[in-house]
Amino acid sequence: MNDTTQTSPLPDRLSADPRSPHHVAAAFEQDVGIRLNGKERFDIEEYCISEGWVKVPAGKAVDRKGKPMLIKLKGTVEAFYR
């Protein structure tokens, strides 16, 4: 990337939910990509690089507040800007 704009490094843990304490709005100014075990995923709701997990929606199941139920998948997590 030969960008002249400075991008801040992605945090170790990031959530797409604005109500989460791990949500960083500045990180979403650019498109964020996530790879789990070498395969790019597009349905990630939250990730943690140091602990090696991501949270993804579990089908069409929702909780009582209407938010999707999440399951945790473990593996090698890589976060990057597209």
N, C-alpha and C. Protein backbone atom coordinates (compact mmCIF):
# COMPACT_ATOMS: atom_id res chain seq x y z
N MET A 1 0.83 -1.18 0.00
CA MET A 1 0.00 0.00 0.00
C MET A 1 0.88 1.24 0.00
N ASN A 2 0.81 2.02 -1.02
CA ASN A 2 1.56 3.26 -1.08
C ASN A 2 0.64 4.44 -0.84
N ASP A 3 -0.20 4.32 0.16
CA ASP A 3 -1.12 5.39 0.53
C ASP A 3 -0.36 6.52 1.20
N THR A 4 -0.77 7.74 0.93
CA THR A 4 -0.16 8.88 1.62
C THR A 4 -0.92 9.17 2.90
N THR A 5 -2.13 8.62 3.05
CA THR A 5 -2.90 8.84 4.27
C THR A 5 -2.44 7.88 5.34
N GLN A 6 -2.40 8.36 6.56
CA GLN A 6 -1.99 7.54 7.69
C GLN A 6 -3.21 6.80 8.23
N THR A 7 -3.09 5.50 8.40
CA THR A 7 -4.16 4.72 8.99
C THR A 7 -3.68 4.21 10.34
N SER A 8 -4.56 4.28 11.32
CA SER A 8 -4.20 3.78 12.64
C SER A 8 -4.25 2.26 12.61
N PRO A 9 -3.40 1.60 13.37
CA PRO A 9 -3.44 0.13 13.37
C PRO A 9 -4.76 -0.35 13.99
N LEU A 10 -5.21 -1.50 13.53
CA LEU A 10 -6.44 -2.06 14.06
C LEU A 10 -6.22 -2.55 15.49
N PRO A 11 -7.21 -2.40 16.36
CA PRO A 11 -7.06 -2.87 17.75
C PRO A 11 -7.05 -4.40 17.82
N ASP A 12 -6.56 -4.92 18.94
CA ASP A 12 -6.51 -6.36 19.16
C ASP A 12 -7.91 -6.95 19.22
N ARG A 13 -8.85 -6.20 19.77
CA ARG A 13 -10.24 -6.67 19.87
C ARG A 13 -11.15 -5.58 19.36
N LEU A 14 -12.09 -5.94 18.49
CA LEU A 14 -12.98 -4.96 17.86
C LEU A 14 -14.36 -5.56 17.69
N SER A 15 -15.38 -4.73 17.95
CA SER A 15 -16.76 -5.17 17.81
C SER A 15 -17.49 -4.23 16.86
N ALA A 16 -18.42 -4.78 16.08
CA ALA A 16 -19.23 -3.98 15.17
C ALA A 16 -20.42 -3.35 15.88
N ASP A 17 -20.76 -3.83 17.07
CA ASP A 17 -21.90 -3.33 17.83
C ASP A 17 -21.52 -2.01 18.52
N PRO A 18 -22.22 -0.90 18.20
CA PRO A 18 -21.87 0.39 18.81
C PRO A 18 -22.06 0.43 20.32
N ARG A 19 -22.84 -0.46 20.90
CA ARG A 19 -23.05 -0.47 22.35
C ARG A 19 -21.98 -1.24 23.10
N SER A 20 -21.11 -1.93 22.38
CA SER A 20 -20.05 -2.72 23.00
C SER A 20 -18.91 -1.82 23.48
N PRO A 21 -18.26 -2.17 24.59
CA PRO A 21 -17.08 -1.40 25.03
C PRO A 21 -15.89 -1.58 24.10
N HIS A 22 -15.94 -2.56 23.21
CA HIS A 22 -14.85 -2.83 22.27
C HIS A 22 -15.10 -2.23 20.89
N HIS A 23 -16.10 -1.38 20.78
CA HIS A 23 -16.40 -0.72 19.50
C HIS A 23 -15.54 0.54 19.38
N VAL A 24 -14.80 0.65 18.28
CA VAL A 24 -13.97 1.82 17.99
C VAL A 24 -14.45 2.37 16.65
N ALA A 25 -15.18 3.49 16.69
CA ALA A 25 -15.78 4.05 15.48
C ALA A 25 -14.73 4.45 14.46
N ALA A 26 -13.57 4.92 14.91
CA ALA A 26 -12.52 5.37 14.00
C ALA A 26 -11.99 4.21 13.13
N ALA A 27 -12.06 2.99 13.64
CA ALA A 27 -11.57 1.84 12.88
C ALA A 27 -12.48 1.53 11.69
N PHE A 28 -13.75 1.95 11.75
CA PHE A 28 -14.70 1.65 10.68
C PHE A 28 -14.78 2.75 9.63
N GLU A 29 -13.90 3.75 9.70
CA GLU A 29 -13.87 4.78 8.66
C GLU A 29 -13.42 4.19 7.33
N GLN A 30 -12.61 3.13 7.38
CA GLN A 30 -12.21 2.39 6.19
C GLN A 30 -12.79 0.99 6.30
N ASP A 31 -12.81 0.28 5.19
CA ASP A 31 -13.34 -1.07 5.17
C ASP A 31 -12.36 -2.02 5.86
N VAL A 32 -12.83 -2.79 6.84
CA VAL A 32 -12.00 -3.72 7.60
C VAL A 32 -12.25 -5.14 7.10
N GLY A 33 -11.18 -5.88 6.87
CA GLY A 33 -11.28 -7.27 6.45
C GLY A 33 -10.75 -8.19 7.54
N ILE A 34 -11.33 -9.39 7.63
CA ILE A 34 -10.92 -10.37 8.63
C ILE A 34 -10.68 -11.71 7.93
N ARG A 35 -9.56 -12.34 8.26
CA ARG A 35 -9.28 -13.70 7.80
C ARG A 35 -9.27 -14.62 9.00
N LEU A 36 -9.96 -15.73 8.90
CA LEU A 36 -9.95 -16.77 9.93
C LEU A 36 -9.38 -18.03 9.29
N ASN A 37 -8.25 -18.47 9.80
CA ASN A 37 -7.55 -19.66 9.27
C ASN A 37 -7.26 -19.52 7.78
N GLY A 38 -6.87 -18.31 7.35
CA GLY A 38 -6.48 -18.08 5.97
C GLY A 38 -7.61 -17.81 5.01
N LYS A 39 -8.87 -17.88 5.47
CA LYS A 39 -10.02 -17.64 4.60
C LYS A 39 -10.72 -16.35 5.03
N GLU A 40 -10.95 -15.46 4.06
CA GLU A 40 -11.59 -14.19 4.37
C GLU A 40 -13.07 -14.41 4.67
N ARG A 41 -13.53 -13.81 5.78
CA ARG A 41 -14.93 -13.93 6.19
C ARG A 41 -15.58 -12.56 6.12
N PHE A 42 -16.86 -12.52 5.78
CA PHE A 42 -17.58 -11.26 5.63
C PHE A 42 -18.71 -11.11 6.65
N ASP A 43 -18.88 -12.07 7.55
CA ASP A 43 -19.98 -12.04 8.51
C ASP A 43 -19.52 -11.88 9.96
N ILE A 44 -18.35 -11.34 10.19
CA ILE A 44 -17.78 -11.20 11.52
C ILE A 44 -18.44 -10.05 12.28
N GLU A 45 -18.89 -10.31 13.50
CA GLU A 45 -19.46 -9.27 14.36
C GLU A 45 -18.42 -8.75 15.35
N GLU A 46 -17.53 -9.62 15.81
CA GLU A 46 -16.51 -9.24 16.79
C GLU A 46 -15.32 -10.17 16.62
N TYR A 47 -14.10 -9.68 16.93
CA TYR A 47 -12.92 -10.52 16.85
C TYR A 47 -11.94 -10.18 17.95
N CYS A 48 -11.05 -11.11 18.25
CA CYS A 48 -9.93 -10.90 19.16
C CYS A 48 -8.73 -11.64 18.58
N ILE A 49 -7.71 -10.89 18.21
CA ILE A 49 -6.53 -11.48 17.58
C ILE A 49 -5.70 -12.28 18.58
N SER A 50 -5.45 -11.71 19.78
CA SER A 50 -4.57 -12.37 20.74
C SER A 50 -5.16 -13.67 21.29
N GLU A 51 -6.49 -13.74 21.44
CA GLU A 51 -7.12 -14.96 21.94
C GLU A 51 -7.50 -15.91 20.81
N GLY A 52 -7.50 -15.44 19.57
CA GLY A 52 -7.74 -16.29 18.41
C GLY A 52 -9.18 -16.73 18.22
N TRP A 53 -10.13 -15.78 18.28
CA TRP A 53 -11.53 -16.13 18.04
C TRP A 53 -12.26 -15.00 17.32
N VAL A 54 -13.36 -15.38 16.68
CA VAL A 54 -14.28 -14.43 16.06
C VAL A 54 -15.69 -14.84 16.45
N LYS A 55 -16.61 -13.87 16.43
CA LYS A 55 -18.02 -14.17 16.69
C LYS A 55 -18.81 -13.88 15.42
N VAL A 56 -19.63 -14.86 15.04
CA VAL A 56 -20.45 -14.75 13.83
C VAL A 56 -21.89 -15.09 14.18
N PRO A 57 -22.86 -14.57 13.39
CA PRO A 57 -24.26 -14.90 13.65
C PRO A 57 -24.53 -16.39 13.47
N ALA A 58 -25.41 -16.92 14.32
CA ALA A 58 -25.77 -18.34 14.27
C ALA A 58 -27.07 -18.50 13.48
N GLY A 59 -26.97 -18.48 12.19
CA GLY A 59 -28.16 -18.63 11.34
C GLY A 59 -29.11 -17.46 11.48
N LYS A 60 -30.41 -17.76 11.57
CA LYS A 60 -31.42 -16.72 11.68
C LYS A 60 -31.89 -16.52 13.12
N ALA A 61 -31.27 -17.19 14.08
CA ALA A 61 -31.68 -17.10 15.47
C ALA A 61 -31.40 -15.71 16.02
N VAL A 62 -32.36 -15.17 16.77
CA VAL A 62 -32.20 -13.86 17.41
C VAL A 62 -32.53 -13.98 18.89
N ASP A 63 -31.97 -13.07 19.69
CA ASP A 63 -32.28 -13.06 21.11
C ASP A 63 -33.57 -12.28 21.36
N ARG A 64 -33.93 -12.10 22.60
CA ARG A 64 -35.21 -11.45 22.91
C ARG A 64 -35.23 -9.97 22.56
N LYS A 65 -34.08 -9.39 22.31
CA LYS A 65 -34.01 -7.98 21.91
C LYS A 65 -33.92 -7.82 20.39
N GLY A 66 -33.94 -8.93 19.66
CA GLY A 66 -33.91 -8.89 18.21
C GLY A 66 -32.53 -8.88 17.60
N LYS A 67 -31.49 -8.99 18.42
CA LYS A 67 -30.12 -9.04 17.92
C LYS A 67 -29.77 -10.49 17.57
N PRO A 68 -28.93 -10.71 16.56
CA PRO A 68 -28.60 -12.10 16.19
C PRO A 68 -27.82 -12.81 17.29
N MET A 69 -28.10 -14.09 17.45
CA MET A 69 -27.34 -14.92 18.38
C MET A 69 -25.98 -15.17 17.74
N LEU A 70 -24.91 -15.11 18.55
CA LEU A 70 -23.56 -15.24 18.03
C LEU A 70 -22.91 -16.52 18.53
N ILE A 71 -22.09 -17.12 17.68
CA ILE A 71 -21.27 -18.26 18.08
C ILE A 71 -19.80 -17.87 17.91
N LYS A 72 -18.96 -18.48 18.72
CA LYS A 72 -17.53 -18.17 18.70
C LYS A 72 -16.80 -19.25 17.92
N LEU A 73 -16.01 -18.82 16.92
CA LEU A 73 -15.17 -19.73 16.15
C LEU A 73 -13.72 -19.43 16.49
N LYS A 74 -12.93 -20.47 16.70
CA LYS A 74 -11.53 -20.29 17.10
C LYS A 74 -10.60 -20.64 15.95
N GLY A 75 -9.46 -19.96 15.92
CA GLY A 75 -8.45 -20.21 14.91
C GLY A 75 -7.48 -19.03 14.82
N THR A 76 -6.75 -18.95 13.74
CA THR A 76 -5.81 -17.87 13.51
C THR A 76 -6.56 -16.69 12.89
N VAL A 77 -6.53 -15.55 13.59
CA VAL A 77 -7.29 -14.37 13.16
C VAL A 77 -6.33 -13.31 12.65
N GLU A 78 -6.61 -12.76 11.46
CA GLU A 78 -5.84 -11.67 10.88
C GLU A 78 -6.81 -10.55 10.52
N ALA A 79 -6.52 -9.34 10.98
CA ALA A 79 -7.35 -8.17 10.65
C ALA A 79 -6.53 -7.23 9.77
N PHE A 80 -7.21 -6.62 8.77
CA PHE A 80 -6.50 -5.74 7.86
C PHE A 80 -7.48 -4.74 7.26
N TYR A 81 -6.94 -3.63 6.74
CA TYR A 81 -7.74 -2.67 5.99
C TYR A 81 -7.75 -3.08 4.53
N ARG A 82 -8.89 -2.98 3.89
CA ARG A 82 -8.98 -3.31 2.46
C ARG A 82 -8.64 -2.10 1.63
